[in-house]
Amino acid sequence: MENIIEIKASNREVAIARAIKILEVTADQVVQVTELEKPKSFFGFFAKDGLYKVEVSREVEAEEIKISGPEKDEIVKTTIKSETNIEAEQEKKEVKKEIKESREKEIIKTSQELLNKMGLELEVEILRLEGRNCVINLYGEDNGIIIGKKGKTLNSYEYLLNTLIKDVRIDVDVEGFKEKRNVTLRDLARKMAEKAMKTTKPIKLNPMPPRERKIIHEVVNKYSELDTYSEGKDPKRYIVIRKKK
C-alpha cells in the first residue's frame, strides 16, 4: 500500500487531515510532512493551495514516529477532533436507535393490551416506524373478528389505538387486508362518481376513517364535473359527492 502522497491544501494541518483520510491511517502513523510549494495569495485574494508531501508508516510503534513539537501537536488535535466527531455521531445514532426501540415496545405493548381487553387472540408486529408514522400488522386466529364487516371493527380499533398513543400516527393492517380494501374503495369511488354524474342530488357515503376517505377523494377528484367534501366528526365523518354548481 502507498506510504507517500502529495496533497494540495491551504495549510499543513489540512494536508495532514486529507492524507490520513485518503491513506486510511491514524495521526500516529504520519512520520514526515514536507512543504513542496507554499500556499499563495494576492492581497488576500486568488488564494492558491500549497503542495505537501506526506509520508506515513504502516508500523505504528511510538519509537518510529519522527514528528515532534508543534507539528505533532496539531496532528494529535486534528485526530482528536475527528475522533470526537465520529464518537458524537455514533452516540446520536445509538440514542435514536434506543428511542425507536423504546417507542416500538410501547406501541406493541399498548396494541396488545387493547386486543387482550377485546378478548382477541392476535399478535402484533411492527412493519414500519419512520418518524411519527407507524404501520403495524395483526395476525392470529381472530383475524376475521378484528376486521369486521367492511373493515369497521379494524377501523374502530385503529381509532382507539391512536387515542391511546398520541405522539405517533398508527396505521393498522391485518395480513394485507387493507390493500384488498383499497381496491374495493377505488371501485366504490368510481361507481359513486358515475352515479353522481346522473343525478342533481348529493350522494352521501358511509362513515370512513381518514385513510379511506383520502382514497375516495383522490378517485372522485379526477372527475372535473364533481366536487367532494367531508362532513361530521371522526369516527363518523363521511364523504359527500355532488356535481359542481
C-alpha atoms as a PDB file:
ATOM      1  CA  MET A   1       0.000   0.000   0.000  1.00  0.00           C
ATOM      2  CA  GLU A   2       1.112   3.586  -0.693  1.00  0.00           C
ATOM      3  CA  ASN A   3       3.074   5.250   2.097  1.00  0.00           C
ATOM      4  CA  ILE A   4       3.808   8.642   0.477  1.00  0.00           C
ATOM      5  CA  ILE A   5       1.281  11.012  -1.033  1.00  0.00           C
ATOM      6  CA  GLU A   6       1.359  14.555  -2.386  1.00  0.00           C
ATOM      7  CA  ILE A   7      -1.562  16.669  -1.251  1.00  0.00           C
ATOM      8  CA  LYS A   8      -2.741  20.128  -2.319  1.00  0.00           C
ATOM      9  CA  ALA A   9      -4.099  22.030   0.663  1.00  0.00           C
ATOM     10  CA  SER A  10      -4.446  25.518   2.121  1.00  0.00           C
ATOM     11  CA  ASN A  11      -2.129  24.645   5.038  1.00  0.00           C
ATOM     12  CA  ARG A  12      -0.122  21.851   6.627  1.00  0.00           C
ATOM     13  CA  GLU A  13      -2.866  20.716   9.009  1.00  0.00           C
ATOM     14  CA  VAL A  14      -5.421  20.338   6.227  1.00  0.00           C
ATOM     15  CA  ALA A  15      -2.866  18.388   4.159  1.00  0.00           C
ATOM     16  CA  ILE A  16      -2.288  16.002   7.072  1.00  0.00           C
ATOM     17  CA  ALA A  17      -6.027  15.504   7.634  1.00  0.00           C
ATOM     18  CA  ARG A  18      -6.598  14.732   3.934  1.00  0.00           C
ATOM     19  CA  ALA A  19      -3.670  12.317   3.808  1.00  0.00           C
ATOM     20  CA  ILE A  20      -4.960  10.463   6.880  1.00  0.00           C
ATOM     21  CA  LYS A  21      -8.369  10.081   5.230  1.00  0.00           C
ATOM     22  CA  ILE A  22      -7.050   9.027   1.798  1.00  0.00           C
ATOM     23  CA  LEU A  23      -4.435   6.583   3.084  1.00  0.00           C
ATOM     24  CA  GLU A  24      -6.747   5.288   5.832  1.00  0.00           C
ATOM     25  CA  VAL A  25      -4.232   5.691   8.630  1.00  0.00           C
ATOM     26  CA  THR A  26      -4.168   7.403  12.014  1.00  0.00           C
ATOM     27  CA  ALA A  27      -2.267  10.540  13.026  1.00  0.00           C
ATOM     28  CA  ASP A  28       0.301   8.414  14.877  1.00  0.00           C
ATOM     29  CA  GLN A  29       1.261   6.822  11.572  1.00  0.00           C
ATOM     30  CA  VAL A  30       2.263  10.148   9.976  1.00  0.00           C
ATOM     31  CA  VAL A  31       6.070  10.233  10.074  1.00  0.00           C
ATOM     32  CA  GLN A  32       7.003  13.224   7.924  1.00  0.00           C
ATOM     33  CA  VAL A  33       5.411  16.232   6.218  1.00  0.00           C
ATOM     34  CA  THR A  34       7.359  18.241   3.633  1.00  0.00           C
ATOM     35  CA  GLU A  35       6.186  21.518   2.140  1.00  0.00           C
ATOM     36  CA  LEU A  36       6.925  21.339  -1.614  1.00  0.00           C
ATOM     37  CA  GLU A  37       5.095  24.531  -2.617  1.00  0.00           C
ATOM     38  CA  LYS A  38       3.919  27.280  -0.282  1.00  0.00           C
ATOM     39  CA  PRO A  39       0.294  28.437  -0.386  1.00  0.00           C
ATOM     40  CA  LYS A  40      -0.015  31.751  -2.220  1.00  0.00           C
ATOM     41  CA  SER A  41      -2.475  34.624  -2.305  1.00  0.00           C
ATOM     42  CA  PHE A  42      -2.542  38.105  -3.832  1.00  0.00           C
ATOM     43  CA  PHE A  43      -3.523  40.701  -1.177  1.00  0.00           C
ATOM     44  CA  GLY A  44      -5.780  38.101   0.373  1.00  0.00           C
ATOM     45  CA  PHE A  45      -7.423  37.198  -2.940  1.00  0.00           C
ATOM     46  CA  PHE A  46      -6.889  34.485  -5.575  1.00  0.00           C
ATOM     47  CA  ALA A  47      -5.652  32.001  -2.964  1.00  0.00           C
ATOM     48  CA  LYS A  48      -3.711  29.045  -4.307  1.00  0.00           C
ATOM     49  CA  ASP A  49      -3.208  25.827  -2.328  1.00  0.00           C
ATOM     50  CA  GLY A  50       0.241  24.726  -1.388  1.00  0.00           C
ATOM     51  CA  LEU A  51       1.684  21.303  -2.175  1.00  0.00           C
ATOM     52  CA  TYR A  52       2.701  18.961   0.641  1.00  0.00           C
ATOM     53  CA  LYS A  53       4.331  15.552   0.670  1.00  0.00           C
ATOM     54  CA  VAL A  54       3.042  13.381   3.492  1.00  0.00           C
ATOM     55  CA  GLU A  55       4.802  10.182   4.452  1.00  0.00           C
ATOM     56  CA  VAL A  56       3.195   7.567   6.676  1.00  0.00           C
ATOM     57  CA  SER A  57       4.344   4.353   8.258  1.00  0.00           C
ATOM     58  CA  ARG A  58       2.229   1.226   8.369  1.00  0.00           C
ATOM     59  CA  GLU A  59       4.027   0.418  11.617  1.00  0.00           C
ATOM     60  CA  VAL A  60       2.544   2.368  14.480  1.00  0.00           C
ATOM     61  CA  GLU A  61       5.140   1.796  17.242  1.00  0.00           C
ATOM     62  CA  ALA A  62       5.905   5.015  19.083  1.00  0.00           C
ATOM     63  CA  GLU A  63       9.670   4.822  18.502  1.00  0.00           C
ATOM     64  CA  GLU A  64       9.190   5.046  14.730  1.00  0.00           C
ATOM     65  CA  ILE A  65       7.292   8.357  14.853  1.00  0.00           C
ATOM     66  CA  LYS A  66       9.581  11.150  13.641  1.00  0.00           C
ATOM     67  CA  ILE A  67       7.260  14.123  14.000  1.00  0.00           C
ATOM     68  CA  SER A  68       7.550  16.075  17.215  1.00  0.00           C
ATOM     69  CA  GLY A  69       6.847  19.506  18.635  1.00  0.00           C
ATOM     70  CA  PRO A  70       4.042  21.797  17.436  1.00  0.00           C
ATOM     71  CA  GLU A  71       3.538  19.845  14.204  1.00  0.00           C
ATOM     72  CA  LYS A  72       2.811  16.641  16.076  1.00  0.00           C
ATOM     73  CA  ASP A  73       0.557  18.520  18.488  1.00  0.00           C
ATOM     74  CA  GLU A  74      -1.516  19.797  15.540  1.00  0.00           C
ATOM     75  CA  ILE A  75      -1.778  16.264  14.141  1.00  0.00           C
ATOM     76  CA  VAL A  76      -2.968  14.973  17.502  1.00  0.00           C
ATOM     77  CA  LYS A  77      -5.503  17.832  17.783  1.00  0.00           C
ATOM     78  CA  THR A  78      -6.820  17.109  14.283  1.00  0.00           C
ATOM     79  CA  THR A  79      -7.163  13.416  15.077  1.00  0.00           C
ATOM     80  CA  ILE A  80      -8.831  14.025  18.437  1.00  0.00           C
ATOM     81  CA  LYS A  81     -11.309  16.405  16.803  1.00  0.00           C
ATOM     82  CA  SER A  82     -12.071  13.874  14.076  1.00  0.00           C
ATOM     83  CA  GLU A  83     -12.465  11.016  16.543  1.00  0.00           C
ATOM     84  CA  THR A  84     -14.672  13.198  18.777  1.00  0.00           C
ATOM     85  CA  ASN A  85     -16.960  13.978  15.829  1.00  0.00           C
ATOM     86  CA  ILE A  86     -17.178  10.291  14.943  1.00  0.00           C
ATOM     87  CA  GLU A  87     -17.987   9.400  18.549  1.00  0.00           C
ATOM     88  CA  ALA A  88     -20.650  12.144  18.690  1.00  0.00           C
ATOM     89  CA  GLU A  89     -22.303  10.874  15.510  1.00  0.00           C
ATOM     90  CA  GLN A  90     -22.187   7.306  16.781  1.00  0.00           C
ATOM     91  CA  GLU A  91     -23.716   8.414  20.073  1.00  0.00           C
ATOM     92  CA  LYS A  92     -26.538  10.206  18.209  1.00  0.00           C
ATOM     93  CA  LYS A  93     -27.241   7.055  16.206  1.00  0.00           C
ATOM     94  CA  GLU A  94     -27.325   4.946  19.361  1.00  0.00           C
ATOM     95  CA  VAL A  95     -29.682   7.404  21.081  1.00  0.00           C
ATOM     96  CA  LYS A  96     -32.012   7.425  18.045  1.00  0.00           C
ATOM     97  CA  LYS A  97     -31.915   3.623  17.977  1.00  0.00           C
ATOM     98  CA  GLU A  98     -32.765   3.430  21.691  1.00  0.00           C
ATOM     99  CA  ILE A  99     -35.654   5.902  21.264  1.00  0.00           C
ATOM    100  CA  LYS A 100     -37.005   3.933  18.295  1.00  0.00           C
ATOM    101  CA  GLU A 101     -36.746   0.603  20.145  1.00  0.00           C
ATOM    102  CA  SER A 102     -38.448   2.113  23.204  1.00  0.00           C
ATOM    103  CA  ARG A 103     -41.241   3.513  21.045  1.00  0.00           C
ATOM    104  CA  GLU A 104     -41.698   0.173  19.264  1.00  0.00           C
ATOM    105  CA  LYS A 105     -42.022  -1.625  22.604  1.00  0.00           C
ATOM    106  CA  GLU A 106     -44.592   0.916  23.804  1.00  0.00           C
ATOM    107  CA  ILE A 107     -46.652   0.583  20.606  1.00  0.00           C
ATOM    108  CA  ILE A 108     -46.606  -3.231  20.734  1.00  0.00           C
ATOM    109  CA  LYS A 109     -47.456  -3.246  24.468  1.00  0.00           C
ATOM    110  CA  THR A 110     -50.388  -0.829  24.098  1.00  0.00           C
ATOM    111  CA  SER A 111     -51.680  -2.568  20.951  1.00  0.00           C
ATOM    112  CA  GLN A 112     -51.534  -5.975  22.640  1.00  0.00           C
ATOM    113  CA  GLU A 113     -53.228  -4.745  25.814  1.00  0.00           C
ATOM    114  CA  LEU A 114     -56.110  -3.328  23.776  1.00  0.00           C
ATOM    115  CA  LEU A 115     -56.509  -6.620  21.918  1.00  0.00           C
ATOM    116  CA  ASN A 116     -56.478  -8.535  25.197  1.00  0.00           C
ATOM    117  CA  LYS A 117     -59.241  -6.313  26.605  1.00  0.00           C
ATOM    118  CA  MET A 118     -61.266  -7.084  23.479  1.00  0.00           C
ATOM    119  CA  GLY A 119     -60.731 -10.800  24.192  1.00  0.00           C
ATOM    120  CA  LEU A 120     -58.996 -11.436  20.852  1.00  0.00           C
ATOM    121  CA  GLU A 121     -56.234 -13.958  20.176  1.00  0.00           C
ATOM    122  CA  LEU A 122     -53.929 -11.873  17.982  1.00  0.00           C
ATOM    123  CA  GLU A 123     -50.259 -10.964  17.845  1.00  0.00           C
ATOM    124  CA  VAL A 124     -48.756  -7.583  16.966  1.00  0.00           C
ATOM    125  CA  GLU A 125     -45.744  -6.848  14.768  1.00  0.00           C
ATOM    126  CA  ILE A 126     -44.357  -3.530  13.557  1.00  0.00           C
ATOM    127  CA  LEU A 127     -43.901  -3.364   9.799  1.00  0.00           C
ATOM    128  CA  ARG A 128     -42.529   0.159   9.655  1.00  0.00           C
ATOM    129  CA  LEU A 129     -41.746   3.017  12.038  1.00  0.00           C
ATOM    130  CA  GLU A 130     -40.486   6.201  10.426  1.00  0.00           C
ATOM    131  CA  GLY A 131     -40.623   9.433  12.384  1.00  0.00           C
ATOM    132  CA  ARG A 132     -44.182   9.932  13.589  1.00  0.00           C
ATOM    133  CA  ASN A 133     -45.710   7.320  11.272  1.00  0.00           C
ATOM    134  CA  CYS A 134     -46.062   3.650  12.139  1.00  0.00           C
ATOM    135  CA  VAL A 135     -47.589   0.638  10.380  1.00  0.00           C
ATOM    136  CA  ILE A 136     -48.422  -2.444  12.430  1.00  0.00           C
ATOM    137  CA  ASN A 137     -49.762  -5.837  11.387  1.00  0.00           C
ATOM    138  CA  LEU A 138     -52.100  -8.060  13.392  1.00  0.00           C
ATOM    139  CA  TYR A 139     -52.169 -11.799  12.850  1.00  0.00           C
ATOM    140  CA  GLY A 140     -53.719 -14.823  14.500  1.00  0.00           C
ATOM    141  CA  GLU A 141     -56.845 -16.928  14.708  1.00  0.00           C
ATOM    142  CA  ASP A 142     -59.160 -13.934  15.281  1.00  0.00           C
ATOM    143  CA  ASN A 143     -58.244 -12.121  12.042  1.00  0.00           C
ATOM    144  CA  GLY A 144     -61.839 -12.128  10.803  1.00  0.00           C
ATOM    145  CA  ILE A 145     -63.209 -10.745  14.056  1.00  0.00           C
ATOM    146  CA  ILE A 146     -60.807  -7.789  14.241  1.00  0.00           C
ATOM    147  CA  ILE A 147     -61.510  -6.888  10.606  1.00  0.00           C
ATOM    148  CA  GLY A 148     -65.304  -6.965  10.983  1.00  0.00           C
ATOM    149  CA  LYS A 149     -67.821  -6.078   8.284  1.00  0.00           C
ATOM    150  CA  LYS A 150     -66.112  -3.991   5.577  1.00  0.00           C
ATOM    151  CA  GLY A 151     -63.254  -3.345   7.998  1.00  0.00           C
ATOM    152  CA  LYS A 152     -65.406  -1.434  10.500  1.00  0.00           C
ATOM    153  CA  THR A 153     -64.057  -3.208  13.590  1.00  0.00           C
ATOM    154  CA  LEU A 154     -60.475  -2.707  12.358  1.00  0.00           C
ATOM    155  CA  ASN A 155     -61.164   0.992  11.797  1.00  0.00           C
ATOM    156  CA  SER A 156     -62.560   1.312  15.327  1.00  0.00           C
ATOM    157  CA  TYR A 157     -59.558  -0.498  16.776  1.00  0.00           C
ATOM    158  CA  GLU A 158     -57.204   1.797  14.845  1.00  0.00           C
ATOM    159  CA  TYR A 159     -59.092   4.866  16.079  1.00  0.00           C
ATOM    160  CA  LEU A 160     -58.930   3.734  19.720  1.00  0.00           C
ATOM    161  CA  LEU A 161     -55.245   2.880  19.437  1.00  0.00           C
ATOM    162  CA  ASN A 162     -54.433   6.340  18.090  1.00  0.00           C
ATOM    163  CA  THR A 163     -56.275   7.953  21.006  1.00  0.00           C
ATOM    164  CA  LEU A 164     -54.071   5.963  23.395  1.00  0.00           C
ATOM    165  CA  ILE A 165     -50.771   6.697  21.620  1.00  0.00           C
ATOM    166  CA  LYS A 166     -50.618  10.412  20.924  1.00  0.00           C
ATOM    167  CA  ASP A 167     -47.131  11.037  19.501  1.00  0.00           C
ATOM    168  CA  VAL A 168     -47.306   8.543  16.600  1.00  0.00           C
ATOM    169  CA  ARG A 169     -49.858   8.106  13.790  1.00  0.00           C
ATOM    170  CA  ILE A 170     -50.547   4.361  13.646  1.00  0.00           C
ATOM    171  CA  ASP A 171     -51.914   2.557  10.612  1.00  0.00           C
ATOM    172  CA  VAL A 172     -53.182  -0.950  11.430  1.00  0.00           C
ATOM    173  CA  ASP A 173     -53.395  -3.778   8.899  1.00  0.00           C
ATOM    174  CA  VAL A 174     -54.357  -7.444   9.141  1.00  0.00           C
ATOM    175  CA  GLU A 175     -52.291  -9.634   6.821  1.00  0.00           C
ATOM    176  CA  GLY A 176     -52.735  -7.427   3.746  1.00  0.00           C
ATOM    177  CA  PHE A 177     -56.458  -6.737   4.243  1.00  0.00           C
ATOM    178  CA  LYS A 178     -56.100  -3.001   3.628  1.00  0.00           C
ATOM    179  CA  GLU A 179     -54.622  -3.381   0.147  1.00  0.00           C
ATOM    180  CA  LYS A 180     -57.634  -5.504  -0.801  1.00  0.00           C
ATOM    181  CA  ARG A 181     -59.857  -2.898   0.854  1.00  0.00           C
ATOM    182  CA  ASN A 182     -58.151  -0.149  -1.185  1.00  0.00           C
ATOM    183  CA  VAL A 183     -59.155  -1.912  -4.417  1.00  0.00           C
ATOM    184  CA  THR A 184     -62.739  -2.146  -3.183  1.00  0.00           C
ATOM    185  CA  LEU A 185     -62.755   1.545  -2.220  1.00  0.00           C
ATOM    186  CA  ARG A 186     -61.471   2.653  -5.620  1.00  0.00           C
ATOM    187  CA  ASP A 187     -64.211   0.616  -7.308  1.00  0.00           C
ATOM    188  CA  LEU A 188     -66.791   2.161  -4.952  1.00  0.00           C
ATOM    189  CA  ALA A 189     -65.497   5.671  -5.660  1.00  0.00           C
ATOM    190  CA  ARG A 190     -65.822   5.176  -9.418  1.00  0.00           C
ATOM    191  CA  LYS A 191     -69.359   3.777  -9.109  1.00  0.00           C
ATOM    192  CA  MET A 192     -70.469   6.632  -6.848  1.00  0.00           C
ATOM    193  CA  ALA A 193     -68.882   9.172  -9.176  1.00  0.00           C
ATOM    194  CA  GLU A 194     -70.778   7.755 -12.143  1.00  0.00           C
ATOM    195  CA  LYS A 195     -73.974   7.806 -10.083  1.00  0.00           C
ATOM    196  CA  ALA A 196     -73.397  11.439  -9.064  1.00  0.00           C
ATOM    197  CA  MET A 197     -72.967  12.390 -12.714  1.00  0.00           C
ATOM    198  CA  LYS A 198     -76.511  11.199 -13.417  1.00  0.00           C
ATOM    199  CA  THR A 199     -78.273  12.999 -10.576  1.00  0.00           C
ATOM    200  CA  THR A 200     -78.505  16.506  -9.160  1.00  0.00           C
ATOM    201  CA  LYS A 201     -78.715  15.248  -5.580  1.00  0.00           C
ATOM    202  CA  PRO A 202     -75.627  14.976  -3.347  1.00  0.00           C
ATOM    203  CA  ILE A 203     -74.531  11.401  -2.593  1.00  0.00           C
ATOM    204  CA  LYS A 204     -73.516  10.592   0.968  1.00  0.00           C
ATOM    205  CA  LEU A 205     -71.179   7.672   1.657  1.00  0.00           C
ATOM    206  CA  ASN A 206     -70.915   5.665   4.852  1.00  0.00           C
ATOM    207  CA  PRO A 207     -68.540   6.950   7.580  1.00  0.00           C
ATOM    208  CA  MET A 208     -64.904   6.107   6.909  1.00  0.00           C
ATOM    209  CA  PRO A 209     -61.561   6.730   8.612  1.00  0.00           C
ATOM    210  CA  PRO A 210     -59.257   9.454   7.159  1.00  0.00           C
ATOM    211  CA  ARG A 211     -57.149   6.968   5.188  1.00  0.00           C
ATOM    212  CA  GLU A 212     -60.179   5.565   3.337  1.00  0.00           C
ATOM    213  CA  ARG A 213     -61.718   8.989   2.733  1.00  0.00           C
ATOM    214  CA  LYS A 214     -58.471  10.089   1.147  1.00  0.00           C
ATOM    215  CA  ILE A 215     -58.719   7.256  -1.413  1.00  0.00           C
ATOM    216  CA  ILE A 216     -62.300   8.238  -2.301  1.00  0.00           C
ATOM    217  CA  HIS A 217     -61.312  11.907  -2.693  1.00  0.00           C
ATOM    218  CA  GLU A 218     -58.387  11.015  -4.956  1.00  0.00           C
ATOM    219  CA  VAL A 219     -60.527   8.939  -7.317  1.00  0.00           C
ATOM    220  CA  VAL A 220     -63.568  11.244  -7.483  1.00  0.00           C
ATOM    221  CA  ASN A 221     -61.453  14.383  -7.920  1.00  0.00           C
ATOM    222  CA  LYS A 222     -60.377  13.026 -11.307  1.00  0.00           C
ATOM    223  CA  TYR A 223     -63.908  13.833 -12.495  1.00  0.00           C
ATOM    224  CA  SER A 224     -63.781  17.539 -13.353  1.00  0.00           C
ATOM    225  CA  GLU A 225     -67.601  17.892 -13.065  1.00  0.00           C
ATOM    226  CA  LEU A 226     -67.689  16.678  -9.447  1.00  0.00           C
ATOM    227  CA  ASP A 227     -66.832  18.026  -6.000  1.00  0.00           C
ATOM    228  CA  THR A 228     -66.135  16.042  -2.843  1.00  0.00           C
ATOM    229  CA  TYR A 229     -66.046  17.158   0.788  1.00  0.00           C
ATOM    230  CA  SER A 230     -66.296  15.598   4.229  1.00  0.00           C
ATOM    231  CA  GLU A 231     -68.869  16.203   6.938  1.00  0.00           C
ATOM    232  CA  GLY A 232     -69.266  15.097  10.540  1.00  0.00           C
ATOM    233  CA  LYS A 233     -66.649  14.245  13.151  1.00  0.00           C
ATOM    234  CA  ASP A 234     -64.445  11.163  13.416  1.00  0.00           C
ATOM    235  CA  PRO A 235     -65.166   8.305  13.724  1.00  0.00           C
ATOM    236  CA  LYS A 236     -68.467   9.128  11.983  1.00  0.00           C
ATOM    237  CA  ARG A 237     -67.069  11.536   9.395  1.00  0.00           C
ATOM    238  CA  TYR A 238     -68.298  10.787   5.870  1.00  0.00           C
ATOM    239  CA  ILE A 239     -67.828  11.967   2.261  1.00  0.00           C
ATOM    240  CA  VAL A 240     -70.347  13.824   0.126  1.00  0.00           C
ATOM    241  CA  ILE A 241     -70.127  13.729  -3.681  1.00  0.00           C
ATOM    242  CA  ARG A 242     -72.022  16.215  -5.797  1.00  0.00           C
ATOM    243  CA  LYS A 243     -71.995  17.965  -9.159  1.00  0.00           C
ATOM    244  CA  LYS A 244     -70.223  21.311  -9.351  1.00  0.00           C
ATOM    245  CA  LYS A 245     -72.531  24.298  -9.481  1.00  0.00           C
END
